[in-house]
Structure formats: structure tokens, C-alpha cells
């Protein structure tokens, strides 16, 4: 009889360890995916002042747009909540699009090599950010599903695993900075 009880306890302990380790693996995947997003956000935040400076040299009187983008960047850098950060980054993306629209009005700026390089880097960063966001949201979905379904939810409850928030964008269009038509530059 005690052999049966010991076997049942051993199986339960092994199952608990297995489920716990899967939750840990999924949580670590979410953390690593968030790190990828954070790197891309930092890269974008580093590029924006350079872009603002380049546009400012040609379109100084567009001060309201330049200041708005600068303020949005500063606000986004202060936010740690994933949902709030997603909203702030959407606003920042819209601000960058407005800034690039201002640049369209200045042919000399559109032909400036530094501006072209900044625009290319920003577009690449936005693409990387979109991929990182999709991977993060997929990792969050997997972690949340696992921690909310039987039997993992029992282990998740015992060890304090809580659902994670998605890094939302209202659409993939918002996540992409539009390319400015620069014409044929030789």
C-alpha cells in the first residue's frame, strides 16, 4: 500500500516539475521576446533625434511637428507598462509619419544623403520591430494559454505565474513607417 502511495506521489512530483519547467521555459521566451522589442524601440528612439535634426535644418518653421515627435519620444521612453507603451509607440509612429510627410515638401532634404540613410535605417527598424512584436505576442499567447489551461493552470496558480500583456498595435499598417517617394536620385 505504501508503495502505491509513494509511486503516486513520485508521479505527481514529476508531473509538477514537468509542468513547472514548461511554464518557466515559456516565461523566459516571453522575456527574451520583450528584450528584442526593447532593443528595436531603443534603436528607433536613438534615430528619431537625428531625423528631427535633419528635418529641422530644412524645415525649421515646422516647429510644432518637430516638438511633437520629440515629446512623444520622451514620453514613450518613460513608460514601462506594455499596454501603455504600445499605445505610446503607436502615437510616436504617427508622429514620425507626419515628420516624413513634412520632409516630402523639401526636395533638397529628400536628396540629402544623411536623411536618406536615416530614413532607410528607420524603415528597417520598423520592420524589425514588427517582427519582434509578432514573435513577442505569439510567445505571450502561448504562455497565457498554457498558464490558463488544465493542468498547467494549477501549477501556475501555485507558483504565482500571471498572464502577460500583449504589445498591441491597432494594425500592421501602424507598425510600418511609410516609405517616402524619393524619385530617381542618381
N, C-alpha and C. Protein backbone atom coordinates (compact mmCIF):
# COMPACT_ATOMS: atom_id res chain seq x y z
N UNK A 1 0.81 -1.19 0.00
CA UNK A 1 0.00 0.00 0.00
C UNK A 1 0.86 1.26 0.00
N UNK A 2 1.88 1.30 0.87
CA UNK A 2 2.75 2.47 0.93
C UNK A 2 3.54 2.62 -0.36
N UNK A 3 3.80 1.48 -1.04
CA UNK A 3 4.50 1.52 -2.33
C UNK A 3 3.64 2.24 -3.37
N UNK A 4 2.36 1.99 -3.37
CA UNK A 4 1.43 2.63 -4.31
C UNK A 4 1.36 4.13 -4.03
N UNK A 5 1.27 4.50 -2.78
CA UNK A 5 1.21 5.92 -2.41
C UNK A 5 2.51 6.62 -2.79
N UNK A 6 3.63 5.96 -2.53
CA UNK A 6 4.93 6.55 -2.90
C UNK A 6 5.04 6.72 -4.40
N UNK A 7 4.55 5.75 -5.17
CA UNK A 7 4.58 5.84 -6.63
C UNK A 7 3.69 6.99 -7.12
N UNK A 8 2.51 7.11 -6.55
CA UNK A 8 1.59 8.19 -6.94
C UNK A 8 2.21 9.55 -6.61
N UNK A 9 2.81 9.66 -5.44
CA UNK A 9 3.46 10.92 -5.07
C UNK A 9 4.64 11.24 -5.98
N UNK A 10 5.39 10.23 -6.34
CA UNK A 10 6.52 10.41 -7.25
C UNK A 10 6.04 10.85 -8.63
N UNK A 11 4.99 10.25 -9.13
CA UNK A 11 4.42 10.64 -10.43
C UNK A 11 3.90 12.07 -10.37
N UNK A 12 3.20 12.42 -9.29
CA UNK A 12 2.69 13.78 -9.13
C UNK A 12 3.83 14.80 -9.06
N UNK A 13 4.90 14.46 -8.36
CA UNK A 13 6.06 15.34 -8.26
C UNK A 13 6.72 15.52 -9.63
N UNK A 14 6.84 14.43 -10.37
CA UNK A 14 7.44 14.51 -11.70
C UNK A 14 6.56 15.35 -12.64
N UNK A 15 5.26 15.14 -12.57
CA UNK A 15 4.34 15.91 -13.40
C UNK A 15 4.38 17.39 -13.03
N UNK A 16 4.44 17.68 -11.74
CA UNK A 16 4.55 19.07 -11.28
C UNK A 16 5.83 19.70 -11.81
N UNK A 17 6.94 18.98 -11.71
CA UNK A 17 8.22 19.51 -12.21
C UNK A 17 8.16 19.74 -13.72
N UNK A 18 7.57 18.82 -14.44
CA UNK A 18 7.45 18.96 -15.90
C UNK A 18 6.63 20.19 -16.26
N UNK A 19 5.47 20.35 -15.65
CA UNK A 19 4.61 21.49 -15.95
C UNK A 19 5.26 22.80 -15.52
N UNK A 20 5.90 22.79 -14.37
CA UNK A 20 6.60 23.98 -13.89
C UNK A 20 7.70 24.39 -14.86
N UNK A 21 8.48 23.43 -15.31
CA UNK A 21 9.58 23.73 -16.23
C UNK A 21 9.07 24.26 -17.57
N UNK A 22 7.93 23.74 -18.05
CA UNK A 22 7.35 24.27 -19.29
C UNK A 22 6.91 25.72 -19.11
N UNK A 23 6.32 26.02 -17.96
CA UNK A 23 5.91 27.40 -17.69
C UNK A 23 7.13 28.33 -17.60
N UNK A 24 8.19 27.85 -16.97
CA UNK A 24 9.42 28.64 -16.88
C UNK A 24 9.99 28.89 -18.28
N UNK A 25 10.02 27.84 -19.10
CA UNK A 25 10.53 27.99 -20.48
C UNK A 25 9.71 29.02 -21.25
N UNK A 26 8.39 28.94 -21.14
CA UNK A 26 7.53 29.88 -21.86
C UNK A 26 7.69 31.30 -21.31
N UNK A 27 7.81 31.43 -20.00
CA UNK A 27 8.02 32.77 -19.42
C UNK A 27 9.35 33.36 -19.88
N UNK A 28 10.38 32.54 -19.93
CA UNK A 28 11.69 33.02 -20.40
C UNK A 28 11.64 33.40 -21.87
N UNK A 29 10.87 32.68 -22.67
CA UNK A 29 10.69 33.03 -24.08
C UNK A 29 10.01 34.40 -24.21
N UNK A 30 9.01 34.64 -23.39
CA UNK A 30 8.33 35.95 -23.40
C UNK A 30 9.30 37.05 -23.01
N UNK A 31 10.10 36.80 -21.98
CA UNK A 31 11.09 37.81 -21.55
C UNK A 31 12.12 38.09 -22.64
N UNK A 32 12.59 37.05 -23.30
CA UNK A 32 13.56 37.24 -24.38
C UNK A 32 12.93 37.97 -25.55
N UNK A 33 11.68 37.65 -25.86
CA UNK A 33 10.99 38.33 -26.95
C UNK A 33 10.79 39.81 -26.61
N UNK A 34 10.49 40.10 -25.35
CA UNK A 34 10.34 41.50 -24.96
C UNK A 34 11.68 42.23 -25.09
N UNK A 35 12.75 41.55 -24.78
CA UNK A 35 14.07 42.14 -24.92
C UNK A 35 14.33 42.54 -26.38
N UNK A 36 13.90 41.70 -27.33
CA UNK A 36 14.04 42.03 -28.74
C UNK A 36 13.25 43.29 -29.10
N UNK A 37 12.04 43.41 -28.58
CA UNK A 37 11.24 44.62 -28.82
C UNK A 37 11.94 45.82 -28.22
N UNK A 38 12.43 45.67 -27.00
CA UNK A 38 13.09 46.78 -26.31
C UNK A 38 14.30 47.28 -27.10
N UNK A 39 15.06 46.37 -27.66
CA UNK A 39 16.23 46.76 -28.48
C UNK A 39 15.79 47.58 -29.69
N UNK A 40 14.73 47.14 -30.36
CA UNK A 40 14.26 47.87 -31.55
C UNK A 40 13.65 49.22 -31.17
N UNK A 41 12.94 49.26 -30.06
CA UNK A 41 12.40 50.55 -29.61
C UNK A 41 13.53 51.52 -29.28
N UNK A 42 14.56 51.02 -28.62
CA UNK A 42 15.69 51.88 -28.29
C UNK A 42 16.38 52.37 -29.56
N UNK A 43 16.52 51.48 -30.54
CA UNK A 43 17.13 51.87 -31.81
C UNK A 43 16.30 52.97 -32.48
N UNK A 44 14.97 52.81 -32.46
CA UNK A 44 14.11 53.83 -33.05
C UNK A 44 14.22 55.13 -32.26
N UNK A 45 14.22 55.02 -30.94
CA UNK A 45 14.34 56.22 -30.12
C UNK A 45 15.66 56.94 -30.36
N UNK A 46 16.70 56.20 -30.68
CA UNK A 46 18.00 56.82 -30.98
C UNK A 46 18.01 57.48 -32.36
N UNK A 47 17.26 56.95 -33.31
CA UNK A 47 17.23 57.51 -34.66
C UNK A 47 16.36 58.77 -34.76
N UNK A 48 15.34 58.84 -33.95
CA UNK A 48 14.39 59.96 -34.08
C UNK A 48 15.04 61.33 -33.88
N UNK A 49 15.88 61.53 -32.87
CA UNK A 49 16.50 62.86 -32.74
C UNK A 49 17.33 63.25 -33.96
N UNK A 50 18.00 62.27 -34.57
CA UNK A 50 18.78 62.56 -35.77
C UNK A 50 17.86 62.96 -36.92
N UNK A 51 16.73 62.28 -37.04
CA UNK A 51 15.76 62.60 -38.08
C UNK A 51 15.17 63.98 -37.84
N UNK A 52 14.82 64.28 -36.60
CA UNK A 52 14.28 65.60 -36.26
C UNK A 52 15.30 66.68 -36.61
N UNK A 53 16.54 66.44 -36.27
CA UNK A 53 17.60 67.43 -36.56
C UNK A 53 17.75 67.64 -38.06
N UNK A 54 17.73 66.56 -38.83
CA UNK A 54 17.86 66.68 -40.29
C UNK A 54 16.70 67.47 -40.88
N UNK A 55 15.49 67.18 -40.44
CA UNK A 55 14.32 67.91 -40.96
C UNK A 55 14.36 69.35 -40.48
N UNK A 56 14.80 69.58 -39.26
CA UNK A 56 14.86 70.93 -38.70
C UNK A 56 15.78 71.83 -39.51
N UNK A 57 16.84 71.28 -40.05
CA UNK A 57 17.77 72.08 -40.84
C UNK A 57 17.12 72.63 -42.11
N UNK A 58 16.14 71.90 -42.63
CA UNK A 58 15.49 72.30 -43.87
C UNK A 58 14.12 72.93 -43.63
N UNK A 59 13.47 72.53 -42.57
CA UNK A 59 12.09 72.95 -42.35
C UNK A 59 11.92 73.46 -40.92
N UNK A 60 12.74 74.42 -40.54
CA UNK A 60 12.73 74.93 -39.18
C UNK A 60 11.39 75.49 -38.74
N UNK A 61 10.61 75.98 -39.67
CA UNK A 61 9.35 76.58 -39.26
C UNK A 61 8.27 75.54 -38.96
N UNK A 62 8.56 74.28 -39.18
CA UNK A 62 7.63 73.19 -38.84
C UNK A 62 7.85 72.78 -37.39
N UNK A 63 8.08 73.75 -36.55
CA UNK A 63 8.44 73.52 -35.16
C UNK A 63 7.43 72.65 -34.41
N UNK A 64 6.15 72.85 -34.62
CA UNK A 64 5.14 72.09 -33.88
C UNK A 64 5.28 70.58 -34.14
N UNK A 65 5.49 70.20 -35.38
CA UNK A 65 5.66 68.78 -35.72
C UNK A 65 6.92 68.23 -35.09
N UNK A 66 8.01 68.98 -35.18
CA UNK A 66 9.28 68.53 -34.62
C UNK A 66 9.19 68.36 -33.11
N UNK A 67 8.57 69.34 -32.44
CA UNK A 67 8.44 69.26 -30.99
C UNK A 67 7.51 68.12 -30.57
N UNK A 68 6.44 67.90 -31.33
CA UNK A 68 5.51 66.83 -31.00
C UNK A 68 6.21 65.47 -31.06
N UNK A 69 6.99 65.24 -32.09
CA UNK A 69 7.71 63.97 -32.21
C UNK A 69 8.72 63.82 -31.08
N UNK A 70 9.42 64.89 -30.76
CA UNK A 70 10.40 64.85 -29.67
C UNK A 70 9.71 64.55 -28.34
N UNK A 71 8.57 65.18 -28.09
CA UNK A 71 7.84 64.94 -26.84
C UNK A 71 7.29 63.52 -26.78
N UNK A 72 6.75 63.03 -27.89
CA UNK A 72 6.23 61.65 -27.92
C UNK A 72 7.35 60.65 -27.64
N UNK A 73 8.52 60.89 -28.18
CA UNK A 73 9.67 60.01 -27.93
C UNK A 73 10.02 60.01 -26.46
N UNK A 74 10.08 61.19 -25.85
CA UNK A 74 10.42 61.30 -24.44
C UNK A 74 9.39 60.59 -23.57
N UNK A 75 8.12 60.73 -23.90
CA UNK A 75 7.06 60.07 -23.14
C UNK A 75 7.18 58.55 -23.25
N UNK A 76 7.40 58.07 -24.47
CA UNK A 76 7.48 56.63 -24.70
C UNK A 76 8.65 56.02 -23.93
N UNK A 77 9.73 56.75 -23.81
CA UNK A 77 10.91 56.22 -23.13
C UNK A 77 10.69 56.09 -21.62
N UNK A 78 9.67 56.75 -21.08
CA UNK A 78 9.41 56.71 -19.64
C UNK A 78 8.41 55.64 -19.22
N UNK A 79 7.76 55.00 -20.18
CA UNK A 79 6.68 54.07 -19.88
C UNK A 79 7.23 52.65 -19.75
N UNK A 80 6.76 51.94 -18.72
CA UNK A 80 7.20 50.55 -18.55
C UNK A 80 6.06 49.55 -18.76
N UNK A 81 4.81 49.97 -18.60
CA UNK A 81 3.67 49.08 -18.81
C UNK A 81 3.54 48.75 -20.29
N UNK A 82 3.45 47.47 -20.61
CA UNK A 82 3.45 47.02 -22.01
C UNK A 82 2.28 47.61 -22.80
N UNK A 83 1.09 47.60 -22.22
CA UNK A 83 -0.08 48.11 -22.93
C UNK A 83 0.04 49.61 -23.17
N UNK A 84 0.42 50.35 -22.15
CA UNK A 84 0.59 51.79 -22.29
C UNK A 84 1.70 52.11 -23.29
N UNK A 85 2.76 51.34 -23.24
CA UNK A 85 3.87 51.56 -24.16
C UNK A 85 3.43 51.31 -25.60
N UNK A 86 2.62 50.29 -25.81
CA UNK A 86 2.10 50.03 -27.15
C UNK A 86 1.32 51.22 -27.68
N UNK A 87 0.47 51.82 -26.83
CA UNK A 87 -0.29 53.00 -27.24
C UNK A 87 0.63 54.18 -27.54
N UNK A 88 1.62 54.39 -26.67
CA UNK A 88 2.55 55.50 -26.86
C UNK A 88 3.37 55.31 -28.14
N UNK A 89 3.77 54.08 -28.41
CA UNK A 89 4.56 53.83 -29.62
C UNK A 89 3.71 54.01 -30.88
N UNK A 90 2.41 53.72 -30.80
CA UNK A 90 1.53 54.00 -31.94
C UNK A 90 1.50 55.49 -32.22
N UNK A 91 1.38 56.29 -31.17
CA UNK A 91 1.38 57.75 -31.35
C UNK A 91 2.72 58.22 -31.91
N UNK A 92 3.80 57.64 -31.42
CA UNK A 92 5.13 58.02 -31.91
C UNK A 92 5.27 57.66 -33.39
N UNK A 93 4.78 56.50 -33.79
CA UNK A 93 4.83 56.11 -35.20
C UNK A 93 4.05 57.10 -36.06
N UNK A 94 2.89 57.52 -35.57
CA UNK A 94 2.10 58.51 -36.31
C UNK A 94 2.85 59.82 -36.40
N UNK A 95 3.54 60.20 -35.34
CA UNK A 95 4.33 61.43 -35.35
C UNK A 95 5.48 61.36 -36.35
N UNK A 96 6.12 60.21 -36.41
CA UNK A 96 7.22 60.02 -37.38
C UNK A 96 6.67 60.09 -38.80
N UNK A 97 5.49 59.52 -39.02
CA UNK A 97 4.88 59.61 -40.36
C UNK A 97 4.59 61.06 -40.72
N UNK A 98 4.11 61.84 -39.75
CA UNK A 98 3.87 63.27 -40.02
C UNK A 98 5.18 63.99 -40.33
N UNK A 99 6.23 63.63 -39.61
CA UNK A 99 7.54 64.23 -39.84
C UNK A 99 8.05 63.90 -41.24
N UNK A 100 7.87 62.66 -41.66
CA UNK A 100 8.30 62.27 -43.01
C UNK A 100 7.44 62.95 -44.07
N UNK A 101 6.17 63.20 -43.75
CA UNK A 101 5.30 63.92 -44.70
C UNK A 101 5.78 65.36 -44.86
N UNK A 102 6.25 65.96 -43.77
CA UNK A 102 6.82 67.31 -43.85
C UNK A 102 8.05 67.29 -44.75
N UNK A 103 8.86 66.26 -44.62
CA UNK A 103 10.08 66.15 -45.42
C UNK A 103 9.77 66.07 -46.91
N UNK A 104 8.62 65.52 -47.25
CA UNK A 104 8.21 65.43 -48.66
C UNK A 104 8.17 66.80 -49.33
N UNK A 105 7.93 67.83 -48.55
CA UNK A 105 7.77 69.18 -49.10
C UNK A 105 9.11 69.85 -49.41
N UNK A 106 10.22 69.19 -49.09
CA UNK A 106 11.53 69.80 -49.25
C UNK A 106 12.42 68.92 -50.13
N UNK A 107 12.49 69.26 -51.42
CA UNK A 107 13.27 68.44 -52.36
C UNK A 107 14.75 68.31 -51.96
N UNK A 108 15.32 69.40 -51.42
CA UNK A 108 16.73 69.33 -51.02
C UNK A 108 16.92 68.33 -49.87
N UNK A 109 15.96 68.29 -48.96
CA UNK A 109 16.03 67.35 -47.85
C UNK A 109 15.89 65.92 -48.37
N UNK A 110 14.96 65.70 -49.28
CA UNK A 110 14.75 64.35 -49.81
C UNK A 110 15.98 63.85 -50.55
N UNK A 111 16.80 64.76 -51.04
CA UNK A 111 18.01 64.36 -51.77
C UNK A 111 19.23 64.26 -50.85
N UNK A 112 19.11 64.70 -49.61
CA UNK A 112 20.22 64.69 -48.67
C UNK A 112 20.57 63.26 -48.28
N UNK A 113 21.84 62.90 -48.46
CA UNK A 113 22.27 61.53 -48.21
C UNK A 113 22.07 61.11 -46.75
N UNK A 114 22.35 62.02 -45.83
CA UNK A 114 22.16 61.72 -44.41
C UNK A 114 20.69 61.41 -44.12
N UNK A 115 19.79 62.21 -44.68
CA UNK A 115 18.36 61.98 -44.48
C UNK A 115 17.94 60.65 -45.09
N UNK A 116 18.44 60.36 -46.28
CA UNK A 116 18.11 59.09 -46.93
C UNK A 116 18.56 57.90 -46.09
N UNK A 117 19.76 57.99 -45.52
CA UNK A 117 20.28 56.92 -44.67
C UNK A 117 19.43 56.77 -43.40
N UNK A 118 19.07 57.91 -42.80
CA UNK A 118 18.22 57.86 -41.61
C UNK A 118 16.87 57.23 -41.92
N UNK A 119 16.32 57.61 -43.05
CA UNK A 119 15.01 57.08 -43.43
C UNK A 119 15.10 55.57 -43.66
N UNK A 120 16.16 55.12 -44.31
CA UNK A 120 16.35 53.69 -44.54
C UNK A 120 16.51 52.95 -43.22
N UNK A 121 17.33 53.49 -42.32
CA UNK A 121 17.53 52.85 -41.02
C UNK A 121 16.23 52.79 -40.23
N UNK A 122 15.45 53.87 -40.29
CA UNK A 122 14.19 53.89 -39.57
C UNK A 122 13.21 52.88 -40.14
N UNK A 123 13.15 52.77 -41.45
CA UNK A 123 12.26 51.78 -42.08
C UNK A 123 12.69 50.36 -41.71
N UNK A 124 14.00 50.10 -41.69
CA UNK A 124 14.49 48.78 -41.28
C UNK A 124 14.14 48.50 -39.83
N UNK A 125 14.31 49.50 -38.99
CA UNK A 125 13.99 49.35 -37.57
C UNK A 125 12.51 49.04 -37.39
N UNK A 126 11.66 49.73 -38.13
CA UNK A 126 10.22 49.48 -38.03
C UNK A 126 9.88 48.05 -38.47
N UNK A 127 10.56 47.56 -39.49
CA UNK A 127 10.34 46.17 -39.93
C UNK A 127 10.79 45.19 -38.86
N UNK A 128 11.97 45.42 -38.27
CA UNK A 128 12.46 44.55 -37.21
C UNK A 128 11.51 44.60 -36.01
N UNK A 129 11.02 45.79 -35.71
CA UNK A 129 10.10 45.95 -34.59
C UNK A 129 8.80 45.19 -34.85
N UNK A 130 8.33 45.23 -36.06
CA UNK A 130 7.10 44.50 -36.40
C UNK A 130 7.31 42.99 -36.20
N UNK A 131 8.45 42.47 -36.66
CA UNK A 131 8.73 41.04 -36.47
C UNK A 131 8.87 40.70 -34.99
N UNK A 132 9.58 41.56 -34.25
CA UNK A 132 9.76 41.31 -32.82
C UNK A 132 8.42 41.36 -32.09
N UNK A 133 7.56 42.28 -32.48
CA UNK A 133 6.23 42.39 -31.87
C UNK A 133 5.42 41.13 -32.12
N UNK A 134 5.45 40.63 -33.34
CA UNK A 134 4.71 39.40 -33.66
C UNK A 134 5.23 38.21 -32.87
N UNK A 135 6.55 38.10 -32.77
CA UNK A 135 7.13 36.99 -32.00
C UNK A 135 6.76 37.12 -30.53
N UNK A 136 6.86 38.33 -29.98
CA UNK A 136 6.51 38.55 -28.59
C UNK A 136 5.04 38.19 -28.34
N UNK A 137 4.14 38.72 -29.17
CA UNK A 137 2.72 38.43 -28.97
C UNK A 137 2.43 36.94 -29.10
N UNK A 138 3.11 36.25 -30.00
CA UNK A 138 2.96 34.80 -30.11
C UNK A 138 3.45 34.08 -28.87
N UNK A 139 4.57 34.55 -28.32
CA UNK A 139 5.10 33.95 -27.10
C UNK A 139 4.16 34.21 -25.92
N UNK A 140 3.61 35.41 -25.86
CA UNK A 140 2.66 35.74 -24.79
C UNK A 140 1.41 34.87 -24.93
N UNK A 141 0.93 34.71 -26.16
CA UNK A 141 -0.26 33.88 -26.38
C UNK A 141 0.00 32.45 -25.89
N UNK A 142 1.15 31.89 -26.23
CA UNK A 142 1.47 30.53 -25.81
C UNK A 142 1.58 30.44 -24.28
N UNK A 143 2.28 31.39 -23.68
CA UNK A 143 2.43 31.39 -22.22
C UNK A 143 1.08 31.53 -21.52
N UNK A 144 0.28 32.50 -21.98
CA UNK A 144 -1.03 32.73 -21.35
C UNK A 144 -1.94 31.52 -21.52
N UNK A 145 -1.94 30.93 -22.70
CA UNK A 145 -2.78 29.75 -22.93
C UNK A 145 -2.37 28.61 -22.02
N UNK A 146 -1.07 28.39 -21.94
CA UNK A 146 -0.59 27.29 -21.10
C UNK A 146 -0.92 27.56 -19.63
N UNK A 147 -0.71 28.80 -19.18
CA UNK A 147 -0.92 29.08 -17.75
C UNK A 147 -2.40 29.19 -17.38
N UNK A 148 -3.28 29.18 -18.38
CA UNK A 148 -4.72 29.29 -18.10
C UNK A 148 -5.47 27.98 -18.37
N UNK A 149 -4.79 26.95 -18.84
CA UNK A 149 -5.46 25.68 -19.14
C UNK A 149 -5.00 24.59 -18.18
N UNK A 150 -5.87 23.62 -17.98
CA UNK A 150 -5.61 22.49 -17.08
C UNK A 150 -4.60 21.57 -17.75
N UNK A 151 -3.65 21.04 -17.09
CA UNK A 151 -3.35 21.12 -15.66
C UNK A 151 -2.35 22.22 -15.33
N UNK A 152 -1.82 22.90 -16.37
CA UNK A 152 -0.79 23.92 -16.12
C UNK A 152 -1.29 25.05 -15.23
N UNK A 153 -2.58 25.38 -15.33
CA UNK A 153 -3.10 26.49 -14.54
C UNK A 153 -2.99 26.22 -13.03
N UNK A 154 -3.04 24.97 -12.65
CA UNK A 154 -2.89 24.62 -11.23
C UNK A 154 -1.48 24.97 -10.77
N UNK A 155 -0.51 24.54 -11.55
CA UNK A 155 0.90 24.82 -11.22
C UNK A 155 1.15 26.33 -11.30
N UNK A 156 0.60 26.98 -12.32
CA UNK A 156 0.77 28.43 -12.47
C UNK A 156 0.22 29.16 -11.26
N UNK A 157 -0.92 28.73 -10.77
CA UNK A 157 -1.50 29.34 -9.58
C UNK A 157 -0.65 29.13 -8.35
N UNK A 158 -0.15 27.91 -8.17
CA UNK A 158 0.68 27.60 -7.01
C UNK A 158 1.96 28.43 -6.97
N UNK A 159 2.55 28.64 -8.15
CA UNK A 159 3.85 29.30 -8.20
C UNK A 159 3.77 30.76 -8.65
N UNK A 160 2.58 31.30 -8.73
CA UNK A 160 2.41 32.74 -8.98
C UNK A 160 2.67 33.21 -10.40
N UNK A 161 2.50 32.35 -11.38
CA UNK A 161 2.62 32.78 -12.77
C UNK A 161 1.37 33.58 -13.14
N UNK A 162 1.56 34.75 -13.68
CA UNK A 162 0.42 35.59 -14.06
C UNK A 162 0.45 35.85 -15.56
N UNK A 163 -0.72 36.06 -16.15
CA UNK A 163 -0.76 36.33 -17.60
C UNK A 163 0.05 37.58 -17.94
N UNK A 164 0.59 37.60 -19.14
CA UNK A 164 1.36 38.73 -19.63
C UNK A 164 0.51 39.52 -20.61
N UNK A 165 0.84 40.78 -20.78
CA UNK A 165 0.10 41.66 -21.69
C UNK A 165 0.71 41.60 -23.08
N UNK A 166 -0.15 41.73 -24.07
CA UNK A 166 0.30 41.81 -25.46
C UNK A 166 0.83 43.21 -25.74
N UNK A 167 1.77 43.28 -26.67
CA UNK A 167 2.26 44.57 -27.16
C UNK A 167 1.42 44.87 -28.38
N UNK A 168 0.32 45.58 -28.17
CA UNK A 168 -0.69 45.76 -29.21
C UNK A 168 -0.33 46.88 -30.18
N UNK A 169 -0.73 46.69 -31.38
CA UNK A 169 -0.81 47.71 -32.41
C UNK A 169 -2.18 47.55 -33.01
N UNK A 170 -2.80 48.65 -33.39
CA UNK A 170 -4.15 48.53 -33.93
C UNK A 170 -4.16 47.84 -35.28
N UNK A 171 -3.06 47.96 -36.01
CA UNK A 171 -2.95 47.25 -37.28
C UNK A 171 -1.49 47.20 -37.67
N UNK A 172 -1.18 46.33 -38.60
CA UNK A 172 0.20 46.26 -39.08
C UNK A 172 0.58 47.53 -39.83
N UNK A 173 -0.41 48.23 -40.39
CA UNK A 173 -0.10 49.48 -41.10
C UNK A 173 0.49 50.50 -40.14
N UNK A 174 0.02 50.54 -38.90
CA UNK A 174 0.54 51.49 -37.93
C UNK A 174 1.99 51.17 -37.60
N UNK A 175 2.34 49.90 -37.63
CA UNK A 175 3.70 49.49 -37.26
C UNK A 175 4.72 49.80 -38.33
N UNK A 176 4.29 50.14 -39.53
CA UNK A 176 5.22 50.41 -40.62
C UNK A 176 5.32 51.89 -40.89
N UNK A 177 6.53 52.39 -40.97
CA UNK A 177 6.73 53.76 -41.40
C UNK A 177 6.66 53.76 -42.91
N UNK A 178 5.81 54.61 -43.48
CA UNK A 178 5.69 54.60 -44.93
C UNK A 178 6.97 55.09 -45.59
N UNK A 179 7.28 54.50 -46.71
CA UNK A 179 8.44 54.96 -47.46
C UNK A 179 8.07 56.22 -48.22
N UNK A 180 8.94 57.19 -48.15
CA UNK A 180 8.71 58.44 -48.86
C UNK A 180 9.22 58.26 -50.28
N UNK A 181 8.43 58.66 -51.26
CA UNK A 181 8.82 58.54 -52.65
C UNK A 181 9.91 59.57 -52.93
N UNK A 182 11.10 59.11 -53.16
CA UNK A 182 12.24 59.99 -53.37
C UNK A 182 12.56 60.18 -54.85
N UNK A 183 11.79 59.58 -55.71
CA UNK A 183 12.05 59.71 -57.13
C UNK A 183 13.33 59.01 -57.51
N UNK A 184 13.84 59.35 -58.67
CA UNK A 184 15.10 58.76 -59.13
C UNK A 184 16.24 59.67 -58.76
N UNK A 185 17.06 59.22 -57.85
CA UNK A 185 18.23 60.00 -57.42
C UNK A 185 19.45 59.30 -57.96
N UNK A 186 20.18 59.99 -58.75
CA UNK A 186 21.38 59.42 -59.34
C UNK A 186 22.61 59.92 -58.64
